[in-house]
Amino acid sequence: MATYHVIGVMSGTSLDGVDLAYCRFTYNEGNWIYKILNTETVPYSDIWEQRLAGLTEVSAVELIATDRAYGHYLGELVKAFTDRHNLQVDFVASHGHTIFHQPQLHITFQVGSGAYLAAAAGLPTVSDFRTLDIALGGQGAPLVPIGDRLLFSEYDFCLNLGGISNISQEGADKRVAFDISCCNMLLNPLAEELGLPYDKNGDNARGGQFDQTLFDQLNGPAYFSAPFPKSIGKEWADEHSLRTLQESKATVQVKLHTACHHMGYQIAQAIQQHAAQKQGKVLLTGGGAFNSFLVEQIRHYLGPNFEVVVPKPELVNFKEALIFAFLGVLRWRQETNCLKSVTGARHDNCGGAIYWY
């Protein structure tokens, strides 16, 4: 038996804050058991939100400076978290915040220097989980599926509704996973046009009407019919889904309503085409799981043969932070934490840089 106490640190594309999850992982007789012990989400200040949102347009010097400063900031958050709860921590596992993701150009970059995080937190840190897979010809994404396989095997499908929706499931002889569509990175900017940080419960979406033309345009990109491995970055979202919404003359409520239909439809397509028995149990996590209108559309397009399970809020909110903590454990043990079957890399690999404090 082996036990690890790890803090997982996650910042998603929707820029709603930094998730911290203090987790215990126990390996016993070939099985992994997890428990989330403490959690916290730290919202971004306006300054940090603007700085991160604008990083694609800054100079190389400013990008590097922000990488270091943001790593230090994450380290300070971790130290405050550990001190406040008097936590005993073996190490930190941090995803960082993605700024560039263009695997076709061999580019993926997450700010949040692991070295600076380790120095500020006073703890060993595992970071930079994606680069090795990119170097091996993979997409560098998704990384969560091995955690889904080892921690959530009772579900046929693990669906995450973050800034991007992504799916993970066990295929006939391998794990299958990929990004499906944009999600909160479409819904949140629309809500902001109404003066809201997000569309609570999908109430504004529910009050809109369906726009068939906009629905068809959102479903138009070739990405949706392309085979996996595939992943979505901010660059793709800006060029396709976000641009389509920006160019539409529909009201914000109509855009929200139709976007939820688009997401539900694409999610159902992704699940149904890989469901051998045309049925299954779907675990639904990520911030979008609190959008009841979106969840209704997913259930509608999937049909009655699929059970969509929304777990307790703690798991909904912190599953990604939990799994990145677990990826850190696998890296610590020098075991595979990235699957070639989902990224397209030449072989399974063990990604992540370790900074010993």
Protein backbone atom coordinates (compact mmCIF):
# COMPACT_ATOMS: atom_id res chain seq x y z
CA MET A 1 0.00 0.00 0.00
CA ALA A 2 1.19 3.51 -0.82
CA THR A 3 -0.47 6.81 0.12
CA TYR A 4 0.13 10.32 -1.24
CA HIS A 5 -1.21 13.69 -0.11
CA VAL A 6 -1.18 16.13 -3.02
CA ILE A 7 -2.56 19.55 -3.88
CA GLY A 8 -3.90 19.73 -7.43
CA VAL A 9 -3.95 23.21 -8.99
CA MET A 10 -6.11 23.93 -12.03
CA SER A 11 -7.05 27.01 -14.05
CA GLY A 12 -9.48 26.46 -16.91
CA THR A 13 -9.96 28.34 -20.16
CA SER A 14 -13.03 30.13 -18.81
CA LEU A 15 -10.82 32.17 -16.43
CA ASP A 16 -13.22 31.84 -13.51
CA GLY A 17 -10.44 31.28 -10.97
CA VAL A 18 -7.84 28.90 -9.57
CA ASP A 19 -9.07 25.56 -8.20
CA LEU A 20 -7.10 24.03 -5.31
CA ALA A 21 -7.84 20.47 -4.22
CA TYR A 22 -6.02 18.70 -1.39
CA CYS A 23 -6.40 15.00 -2.14
CA ARG A 24 -5.35 11.66 -0.71
CA PHE A 25 -4.54 8.80 -3.08
CA THR A 26 -4.00 5.25 -1.88
CA TYR A 27 -2.75 2.39 -4.05
CA ASN A 28 -3.84 -0.95 -2.65
CA GLU A 29 -3.68 -4.34 -4.40
CA GLY A 30 -3.78 -2.88 -7.90
CA ASN A 31 -6.52 -0.32 -7.25
CA TRP A 32 -6.42 3.42 -6.69
CA ILE A 33 -8.68 4.99 -4.05
CA TYR A 34 -9.06 8.76 -3.81
CA LYS A 35 -10.56 11.20 -1.34
CA ILE A 36 -10.91 14.97 -1.72
CA LEU A 37 -10.05 16.40 1.70
CA ASN A 38 -10.05 20.19 1.24
CA THR A 39 -10.97 22.44 -1.65
CA GLU A 40 -10.99 26.10 -2.53
CA THR A 41 -11.57 28.23 -5.61
CA VAL A 42 -9.82 31.60 -5.69
CA PRO A 43 -11.48 33.99 -8.17
CA TYR A 44 -9.14 36.02 -10.33
CA SER A 45 -8.75 39.69 -9.61
CA ASP A 46 -9.61 41.97 -12.52
CA ILE A 47 -5.89 42.57 -13.01
CA TRP A 48 -5.00 38.88 -13.28
CA GLU A 49 -8.01 38.10 -15.44
CA GLN A 50 -7.10 40.87 -17.89
CA ARG A 51 -3.41 39.95 -17.86
CA LEU A 52 -4.05 36.29 -18.65
CA ALA A 53 -6.75 37.03 -21.23
CA GLY A 54 -4.43 39.34 -23.14
CA LEU A 55 -1.29 37.19 -23.12
CA THR A 56 -1.62 36.05 -26.73
CA GLU A 57 -0.90 39.62 -27.85
CA VAL A 58 2.12 40.55 -25.71
CA SER A 59 5.87 40.45 -26.37
CA ALA A 60 8.01 37.42 -25.65
CA VAL A 61 9.58 39.24 -22.70
CA GLU A 62 6.18 40.00 -21.18
CA LEU A 63 5.04 36.40 -21.75
CA ILE A 64 8.08 35.02 -19.90
CA ALA A 65 7.72 37.59 -17.11
CA THR A 66 4.07 36.64 -16.66
CA ASP A 67 4.94 32.94 -16.62
CA ARG A 68 7.26 33.57 -13.66
CA ALA A 69 4.92 36.00 -11.88
CA TYR A 70 1.92 33.71 -12.29
CA GLY A 71 3.92 30.73 -10.98
CA HIS A 72 4.84 32.79 -7.93
CA TYR A 73 1.19 33.80 -7.50
CA LEU A 74 0.05 30.16 -7.63
CA GLY A 75 2.71 29.27 -5.09
CA GLU A 76 1.43 31.97 -2.75
CA LEU A 77 -2.11 30.62 -3.11
CA VAL A 78 -0.90 27.09 -2.30
CA LYS A 79 1.06 28.28 0.75
CA ALA A 80 -1.91 30.23 2.08
CA PHE A 81 -4.15 27.18 1.48
CA THR A 82 -1.79 24.81 3.30
CA ASP A 83 -1.24 27.22 6.21
CA ARG A 84 -4.96 27.98 6.62
CA HIS A 85 -5.90 24.28 6.84
CA ASN A 86 -2.64 23.06 8.43
CA LEU A 87 -2.13 20.54 5.62
CA GLN A 88 0.62 17.96 5.36
CA VAL A 89 1.52 17.90 1.67
CA ASP A 90 3.88 15.62 -0.23
CA PHE A 91 3.93 17.78 -3.36
CA VAL A 92 1.91 20.06 -5.64
CA ALA A 93 0.69 19.15 -9.14
CA SER A 94 -0.14 22.19 -11.25
CA HIS A 95 -1.62 22.36 -14.74
CA GLY A 96 -0.99 26.09 -15.17
CA HIS A 97 -3.11 28.26 -17.44
CA THR A 98 -3.12 27.50 -21.17
CA ILE A 99 -2.20 30.44 -23.40
CA PHE A 100 -1.28 28.70 -26.66
CA HIS A 101 -2.38 25.27 -27.85
CA GLN A 102 -1.59 24.51 -31.49
CA PRO A 103 -0.33 20.92 -31.55
CA GLN A 104 -0.12 20.93 -35.36
CA LEU A 105 2.69 23.49 -34.90
CA HIS A 106 4.17 21.59 -31.94
CA ILE A 107 3.05 24.37 -29.62
CA THR A 108 1.39 24.12 -26.23
CA PHE A 109 2.18 26.59 -23.50
CA GLN A 110 0.78 26.92 -19.99
CA VAL A 111 1.96 29.84 -17.89
CA GLY A 112 2.69 29.20 -14.24
CA SER A 113 6.38 28.32 -13.83
CA GLY A 114 6.74 25.20 -11.70
CA ALA A 115 10.07 26.46 -10.37
CA TYR A 116 8.57 29.71 -9.13
CA LEU A 117 5.53 27.89 -7.73
CA ALA A 118 7.76 25.51 -5.79
CA ALA A 119 9.86 28.38 -4.44
CA ALA A 120 6.81 30.37 -3.29
CA ALA A 121 4.92 27.38 -1.86
CA GLY A 122 7.94 25.75 -0.26
CA LEU A 123 6.90 22.40 -1.72
CA PRO A 124 8.07 20.08 -4.51
CA THR A 125 6.04 20.73 -7.64
CA VAL A 126 5.09 18.77 -10.74
CA SER A 127 4.14 20.92 -13.74
CA ASP A 128 4.36 21.12 -17.55
CA PHE A 129 2.30 17.98 -18.14
CA ARG A 130 1.69 18.44 -21.89
CA THR A 131 5.03 19.18 -23.56
CA LEU A 132 6.46 15.66 -23.70
CA ASP A 133 3.37 14.33 -25.45
CA ILE A 134 3.59 17.14 -28.04
CA ALA A 135 7.27 16.25 -28.57
CA LEU A 136 6.17 12.66 -29.22
CA GLY A 137 3.80 13.78 -31.97
CA GLY A 138 0.66 13.87 -29.83
CA GLN A 139 -1.97 16.50 -29.22
CA GLY A 140 -0.83 17.08 -25.64
CA ALA A 141 -4.52 16.66 -24.79
CA PRO A 142 -6.67 15.38 -23.32
CA LEU A 143 -4.73 14.30 -20.24
CA VAL A 144 -7.62 13.47 -17.92
CA PRO A 145 -8.58 10.08 -19.47
CA ILE A 146 -6.05 7.98 -17.57
CA GLY A 147 -7.49 9.42 -14.37
CA ASP A 148 -10.99 8.58 -15.60
CA ARG A 149 -9.86 5.01 -16.27
CA LEU A 150 -8.19 4.47 -12.91
CA LEU A 151 -10.48 6.51 -10.62
CA PHE A 152 -13.94 6.43 -12.28
CA SER A 153 -14.18 3.05 -13.97
CA GLU A 154 -17.82 2.58 -12.85
CA TYR A 155 -18.91 5.08 -15.52
CA ASP A 156 -19.08 4.29 -19.24
CA PHE A 157 -18.43 7.92 -20.18
CA CYS A 158 -16.79 10.81 -18.33
CA LEU A 159 -17.98 14.15 -19.71
CA ASN A 160 -16.46 17.43 -18.56
CA LEU A 161 -18.15 20.74 -19.25
CA GLY A 162 -15.47 23.37 -18.68
CA GLY A 163 -14.37 26.08 -21.04
CA ILE A 164 -14.34 23.21 -23.53
CA SER A 165 -16.44 20.05 -23.39
CA ASN A 166 -14.47 16.83 -23.57
CA ILE A 167 -15.29 13.15 -23.34
CA SER A 168 -13.45 10.06 -22.15
CA GLN A 169 -14.55 6.43 -22.44
CA GLU A 170 -13.15 2.93 -22.71
CA GLY A 171 -13.15 1.63 -26.28
CA ALA A 172 -12.96 -1.96 -27.49
CA ASP A 173 -9.24 -2.19 -26.83
CA LYS A 174 -8.13 1.29 -25.75
CA ARG A 175 -9.18 4.48 -24.00
CA VAL A 176 -10.90 6.96 -26.34
CA ALA A 177 -11.04 10.68 -25.53
CA PHE A 178 -11.15 14.05 -27.28
CA ASP A 179 -12.44 17.59 -27.08
CA ILE A 180 -16.02 17.83 -28.36
CA SER A 181 -16.85 21.53 -28.61
CA CYS A 182 -16.49 24.91 -26.95
CA CYS A 183 -18.63 25.20 -23.83
CA ASN A 184 -18.31 27.86 -21.11
CA MET A 185 -15.87 29.80 -23.26
CA LEU A 186 -18.92 30.53 -25.43
CA LEU A 187 -21.59 30.84 -22.73
CA ASN A 188 -19.71 33.08 -20.30
CA PRO A 189 -18.85 35.87 -22.80
CA LEU A 190 -22.50 35.92 -23.88
CA ALA A 191 -23.62 36.19 -20.26
CA GLU A 192 -21.16 39.05 -19.78
CA GLU A 193 -22.99 40.96 -22.51
CA LEU A 194 -25.97 40.87 -20.12
CA GLY A 195 -23.81 42.13 -17.26
CA LEU A 196 -23.54 38.68 -15.67
CA PRO A 197 -20.41 36.60 -14.93
CA TYR A 198 -22.25 33.49 -16.16
CA ASP A 199 -25.78 32.36 -17.02
CA LYS A 200 -26.92 30.95 -13.66
CA ASN A 201 -28.85 27.69 -14.13
CA GLY A 202 -29.07 28.55 -17.85
CA ASP A 203 -32.01 30.84 -17.06
CA ASN A 204 -31.27 33.28 -19.88
CA ALA A 205 -30.68 30.43 -22.33
CA ARG A 206 -34.00 28.92 -21.34
CA GLY A 207 -35.72 32.23 -22.03
CA GLY A 208 -34.38 32.42 -25.59
CA GLN A 209 -35.62 30.82 -28.80
CA PHE A 210 -34.06 28.31 -31.14
CA ASP A 211 -32.33 29.72 -34.25
CA GLN A 212 -31.98 26.98 -36.87
CA THR A 213 -29.61 28.99 -39.05
CA LEU A 214 -27.27 29.75 -36.16
CA PHE A 215 -27.48 26.12 -35.01
CA ASP A 216 -26.41 24.92 -38.46
CA GLN A 217 -23.57 27.45 -38.59
CA LEU A 218 -22.25 26.41 -35.16
CA ASN A 219 -22.31 22.75 -36.28
CA GLY A 220 -20.61 23.55 -39.59
CA PRO A 221 -16.85 23.31 -38.89
CA ALA A 222 -15.10 20.20 -40.19
CA TYR A 223 -13.63 19.62 -36.71
CA PHE A 224 -16.86 18.02 -35.50
CA SER A 225 -16.76 15.24 -38.07
CA ALA A 226 -12.97 14.77 -37.95
CA PRO A 227 -11.65 11.59 -36.32
CA PHE A 228 -9.82 11.72 -33.00
CA PRO A 229 -7.21 12.39 -31.68
CA LYS A 230 -8.24 16.03 -31.75
CA SER A 231 -8.32 18.96 -29.35
CA ILE A 232 -9.58 22.52 -29.26
CA GLY A 233 -7.60 25.60 -28.28
CA LYS A 234 -8.57 29.22 -27.85
CA GLU A 235 -7.28 29.93 -31.34
CA TRP A 236 -9.79 27.52 -32.91
CA ALA A 237 -12.61 28.86 -30.75
CA ASP A 238 -11.87 32.44 -31.77
CA GLU A 239 -11.82 31.54 -35.45
CA HIS A 240 -14.94 29.38 -35.49
CA SER A 241 -17.56 29.21 -32.71
CA LEU A 242 -16.93 32.62 -31.14
CA ARG A 243 -16.78 34.33 -34.51
CA THR A 244 -20.04 32.69 -35.57
CA LEU A 245 -21.78 34.01 -32.47
CA GLN A 246 -20.26 37.46 -32.85
CA GLU A 247 -21.40 37.73 -36.47
CA SER A 248 -24.96 36.61 -35.69
CA LYS A 249 -27.55 39.37 -35.33
CA ALA A 250 -29.65 37.28 -32.94
CA THR A 251 -30.32 38.44 -29.38
CA VAL A 252 -28.04 37.26 -26.60
CA GLN A 253 -30.79 35.01 -25.21
CA VAL A 254 -31.29 33.38 -28.62
CA LYS A 255 -27.52 32.86 -28.92
CA LEU A 256 -27.36 31.27 -25.46
CA HIS A 257 -30.37 29.05 -26.17
CA THR A 258 -29.06 27.90 -29.55
CA ALA A 259 -25.49 27.42 -28.30
CA CYS A 260 -26.78 25.04 -25.61
CA HIS A 261 -28.64 23.06 -28.29
CA HIS A 262 -25.45 22.98 -30.38
CA MET A 263 -23.40 21.67 -27.44
CA GLY A 264 -26.01 19.10 -26.45
CA TYR A 265 -26.20 17.86 -30.04
CA GLN A 266 -22.42 17.57 -30.47
CA ILE A 267 -22.02 15.86 -27.10
CA ALA A 268 -24.71 13.34 -27.99
CA GLN A 269 -23.09 12.68 -31.37
CA ALA A 270 -19.73 12.09 -29.71
CA ILE A 271 -21.15 9.69 -27.13
CA GLN A 272 -23.51 7.77 -29.40
CA GLN A 273 -20.92 7.04 -32.05
CA HIS A 274 -18.71 5.34 -29.46
CA ALA A 275 -21.42 3.56 -27.46
CA ALA A 276 -21.32 -0.07 -28.57
CA GLN A 277 -24.62 -0.90 -26.87
CA LYS A 278 -26.23 2.51 -27.60
CA GLN A 279 -26.63 3.01 -23.87
CA GLY A 280 -24.50 3.80 -20.86
CA LYS A 281 -23.84 5.78 -17.69
CA VAL A 282 -22.41 9.28 -18.13
CA LEU A 283 -20.56 11.15 -15.36
CA LEU A 284 -21.05 14.89 -15.83
CA THR A 285 -18.63 17.36 -14.20
CA GLY A 286 -17.28 20.86 -14.75
CA GLY A 287 -18.98 24.23 -14.31
CA GLY A 288 -21.42 23.55 -17.15
CA ALA A 289 -23.00 20.80 -15.04
CA PHE A 290 -24.70 23.57 -13.02
CA ASN A 291 -26.36 24.91 -16.19
CA SER A 292 -29.62 23.01 -15.93
CA PHE A 293 -30.77 24.07 -19.40
CA LEU A 294 -27.57 22.72 -20.98
CA VAL A 295 -27.91 19.46 -19.03
CA GLU A 296 -31.49 19.15 -20.29
CA GLN A 297 -30.28 19.48 -23.88
CA ILE A 298 -27.63 16.81 -23.35
CA ARG A 299 -30.28 14.44 -21.98
CA HIS A 300 -32.67 15.35 -24.78
CA TYR A 301 -30.22 14.64 -27.60
CA LEU A 302 -28.82 11.51 -25.93
CA GLY A 303 -32.23 9.95 -25.36
CA PRO A 304 -33.53 7.71 -22.55
CA ASN A 305 -30.99 4.91 -22.94
CA PHE A 306 -28.24 7.03 -21.40
CA GLU A 307 -28.16 7.87 -17.70
CA VAL A 308 -26.57 11.29 -17.11
CA VAL A 309 -25.26 11.54 -13.54
CA VAL A 310 -24.46 14.92 -11.98
CA PRO A 311 -22.51 14.09 -8.78
CA LYS A 312 -22.07 16.17 -5.62
CA PRO A 313 -20.91 19.77 -6.22
CA GLU A 314 -17.43 19.10 -4.81
CA LEU A 315 -16.67 16.56 -7.54
CA VAL A 316 -18.39 18.65 -10.22
CA ASN A 317 -16.17 21.61 -9.36
CA PHE A 318 -12.89 19.92 -8.56
CA LYS A 319 -12.62 16.79 -10.70
CA GLU A 320 -9.96 18.31 -12.97
CA ALA A 321 -7.88 19.52 -10.02
CA LEU A 322 -8.27 16.05 -8.49
CA ILE A 323 -7.09 14.34 -11.66
CA PHE A 324 -4.11 16.64 -12.17
CA ALA A 325 -3.11 15.83 -8.60
CA PHE A 326 -3.37 12.17 -9.60
CA LEU A 327 -1.33 12.75 -12.79
CA GLY A 328 1.30 14.21 -10.49
CA VAL A 329 1.26 11.03 -8.41
CA LEU A 330 1.79 8.91 -11.53
CA ARG A 331 4.67 11.18 -12.60
CA TRP A 332 6.13 10.92 -9.10
CA ARG A 333 6.01 7.13 -9.42
CA GLN A 334 7.43 7.31 -12.97
CA GLU A 335 4.34 5.59 -14.36
CA THR A 336 2.37 6.34 -17.52
CA ASN A 337 0.15 9.40 -17.10
CA CYS A 338 -0.63 10.12 -20.75
CA LEU A 339 -2.19 7.67 -23.22
CA LYS A 340 -1.19 7.52 -26.88
CA SER A 341 -4.66 6.22 -27.74
CA VAL A 342 -6.19 9.60 -26.89
CA THR A 343 -3.43 12.01 -27.90
CA GLY A 344 -1.99 10.29 -30.97
CA ALA A 345 1.57 10.27 -29.59
CA ARG A 346 4.05 7.62 -30.69
CA HIS A 347 3.75 5.85 -27.36
CA ASP A 348 2.30 6.18 -23.86
CA ASN A 349 4.39 8.54 -21.80
CA CYS A 350 5.05 10.00 -18.37
CA GLY A 351 4.88 13.78 -18.70
CA GLY A 352 5.68 16.49 -16.20
CA ALA A 353 8.70 18.34 -14.83
CA ILE A 354 9.50 17.94 -11.14
CA TYR A 355 10.97 20.84 -9.19
CA TRP A 356 12.46 19.72 -5.90
CA TYR A 357 12.20 22.50 -3.36
